[in-house]
Structure formats: structure tokens, C-alpha cells
């Protein structure tokens, strides 16, 4: 991964990389969800270009 293309954040012990060209609306929210046997990462507040 080219670190020059991403901003790195530490949140609750997790390393989060966000593309520098991403447009964040108000706040970026990342949620971990469990649905029976499936695990899912939900991302809200970001616009993909």
C-alpha cells in the first residue's frame, strides 16, 4: 500500500486508512456488524469518486 495516497488514523486500537481524495460529509462512521454467521463493515459519510 502506498502510504502517500492514504491518511492513517488510530481508532479504538484499529488502524483506519482513508483515501486522501475521498470526500467526507460531516463525519466518517465505520461500524462492525454481526449477522448470524456473517461479519460486515458498514461505512457511512463518505462519497466515492
N, C-alpha and C. Protein backbone atom coordinates (compact mmCIF):
# COMPACT_ATOMS: atom_id res chain seq x y z
N UNK A 1 0.84 -1.17 0.00
CA UNK A 1 0.00 0.00 0.00
C UNK A 1 0.89 1.23 0.00
N UNK A 2 0.61 2.17 -0.88
CA UNK A 2 1.38 3.40 -0.93
C UNK A 2 0.83 4.36 0.12
N UNK A 3 1.61 4.61 1.17
CA UNK A 3 1.12 5.43 2.28
C UNK A 3 0.87 6.88 1.87
N UNK A 4 1.45 7.36 0.79
CA UNK A 4 1.24 8.72 0.33
C UNK A 4 -0.17 8.98 -0.19
N UNK A 5 -0.91 7.93 -0.49
CA UNK A 5 -2.26 8.07 -1.03
C UNK A 5 -3.34 8.00 0.04
N UNK A 6 -2.97 7.69 1.27
CA UNK A 6 -3.95 7.47 2.33
C UNK A 6 -3.59 8.25 3.59
N UNK A 7 -4.62 8.66 4.34
CA UNK A 7 -4.44 9.20 5.68
C UNK A 7 -4.66 8.06 6.65
N UNK A 8 -3.81 7.97 7.68
CA UNK A 8 -3.89 6.87 8.65
C UNK A 8 -4.42 7.41 9.97
N UNK A 9 -5.40 6.71 10.53
CA UNK A 9 -5.98 7.07 11.82
C UNK A 9 -5.98 5.85 12.72
N UNK A 10 -5.77 6.07 14.02
CA UNK A 10 -5.91 5.00 15.03
C UNK A 10 -7.21 5.28 15.79
N UNK A 11 -8.15 4.34 15.76
CA UNK A 11 -9.44 4.49 16.43
C UNK A 11 -9.71 3.24 17.23
N UNK A 12 -9.76 3.37 18.54
CA UNK A 12 -10.05 2.23 19.44
C UNK A 12 -9.18 1.02 19.13
N UNK A 13 -7.90 1.25 18.85
CA UNK A 13 -6.98 0.16 18.61
C UNK A 13 -6.98 -0.37 17.17
N UNK A 14 -7.78 0.22 16.29
CA UNK A 14 -7.82 -0.20 14.89
C UNK A 14 -7.11 0.83 14.03
N UNK A 15 -6.37 0.36 13.04
CA UNK A 15 -5.75 1.26 12.07
C UNK A 15 -6.73 1.45 10.92
N UNK A 16 -7.08 2.70 10.65
CA UNK A 16 -8.01 3.03 9.58
C UNK A 16 -7.26 3.85 8.53
N UNK A 17 -7.36 3.43 7.28
CA UNK A 17 -6.75 4.16 6.17
C UNK A 17 -7.86 4.70 5.28
N UNK A 18 -7.83 6.02 5.04
CA UNK A 18 -8.83 6.68 4.21
C UNK A 18 -8.11 7.32 3.04
N UNK A 19 -8.60 7.05 1.85
CA UNK A 19 -8.01 7.60 0.63
C UNK A 19 -8.04 9.13 0.70
N UNK A 20 -6.93 9.78 0.40
CA UNK A 20 -6.82 11.23 0.52
C UNK A 20 -7.78 11.97 -0.40
N UNK A 21 -8.21 11.37 -1.49
CA UNK A 21 -9.15 12.01 -2.41
C UNK A 21 -10.60 11.81 -2.03
N UNK A 22 -10.87 11.10 -0.95
CA UNK A 22 -12.25 10.82 -0.53
C UNK A 22 -12.91 12.10 -0.01
N UNK A 23 -14.19 12.25 -0.31
CA UNK A 23 -14.96 13.40 0.18
C UNK A 23 -15.78 12.91 1.36
N UNK A 24 -15.47 13.45 2.56
CA UNK A 24 -16.19 13.06 3.78
C UNK A 24 -17.24 14.10 4.07
N UNK A 25 -18.49 13.66 4.23
CA UNK A 25 -19.61 14.54 4.53
C UNK A 25 -19.87 14.52 6.03
N UNK A 26 -19.64 15.63 6.71
CA UNK A 26 -19.82 15.79 8.16
C UNK A 26 -18.88 14.91 8.97
N UNK A 27 -19.14 13.62 9.03
CA UNK A 27 -18.30 12.70 9.82
C UNK A 27 -18.26 11.34 9.13
N UNK A 28 -17.14 10.68 9.25
CA UNK A 28 -16.98 9.33 8.72
C UNK A 28 -17.31 8.35 9.83
N UNK A 29 -18.23 7.43 9.58
CA UNK A 29 -18.64 6.46 10.59
C UNK A 29 -18.40 5.05 10.06
N UNK A 30 -17.66 4.26 10.82
CA UNK A 30 -17.38 2.86 10.47
C UNK A 30 -17.94 1.99 11.59
N UNK A 31 -18.78 1.04 11.21
CA UNK A 31 -19.46 0.19 12.18
C UNK A 31 -19.19 -1.27 11.85
N UNK A 32 -18.87 -2.07 12.86
CA UNK A 32 -18.74 -3.51 12.69
C UNK A 32 -20.06 -4.16 13.10
N UNK A 33 -20.60 -5.01 12.24
CA UNK A 33 -21.90 -5.63 12.50
C UNK A 33 -21.79 -7.14 12.35
N UNK A 34 -22.58 -7.87 13.13
CA UNK A 34 -22.67 -9.32 13.05
C UNK A 34 -24.08 -9.71 12.65
N UNK A 35 -24.22 -10.51 11.61
CA UNK A 35 -25.50 -11.04 11.18
C UNK A 35 -25.37 -12.55 11.10
N UNK A 36 -25.86 -13.22 12.12
CA UNK A 36 -25.75 -14.67 12.24
C UNK A 36 -24.30 -15.10 12.08
N UNK A 37 -23.96 -15.72 10.95
CA UNK A 37 -22.60 -16.22 10.73
C UNK A 37 -21.73 -15.24 9.94
N UNK A 38 -22.29 -14.10 9.58
CA UNK A 38 -21.59 -13.15 8.73
C UNK A 38 -21.14 -11.93 9.54
N UNK A 39 -19.98 -11.41 9.19
CA UNK A 39 -19.49 -10.16 9.77
C UNK A 39 -19.44 -9.14 8.65
N UNK A 40 -19.77 -7.91 8.99
CA UNK A 40 -19.88 -6.88 7.97
C UNK A 40 -19.31 -5.57 8.50
N UNK A 41 -18.65 -4.84 7.62
CA UNK A 41 -18.17 -3.49 7.94
C UNK A 41 -19.07 -2.52 7.19
N UNK A 42 -19.71 -1.61 7.93
CA UNK A 42 -20.57 -0.60 7.32
C UNK A 42 -19.86 0.74 7.39
N UNK A 43 -19.84 1.45 6.27
CA UNK A 43 -19.19 2.76 6.19
C UNK A 43 -20.23 3.78 5.77
N UNK A 44 -20.33 4.90 6.52
CA UNK A 44 -21.27 5.95 6.20
C UNK A 44 -20.56 7.29 6.25
N UNK A 45 -21.01 8.22 5.43
CA UNK A 45 -20.49 9.57 5.45
C UNK A 45 -19.35 9.83 4.49
N UNK A 46 -19.16 8.94 3.52
CA UNK A 46 -18.06 9.14 2.56
C UNK A 46 -18.63 9.01 1.15
N UNK A 47 -18.14 9.87 0.27
CA UNK A 47 -18.56 9.83 -1.12
C UNK A 47 -17.42 9.26 -1.95
N UNK A 48 -17.70 8.20 -2.68
CA UNK A 48 -16.70 7.59 -3.54
C UNK A 48 -16.70 8.29 -4.88
N UNK A 49 -15.50 8.60 -5.37
CA UNK A 49 -15.38 9.31 -6.65
C UNK A 49 -15.13 8.32 -7.75
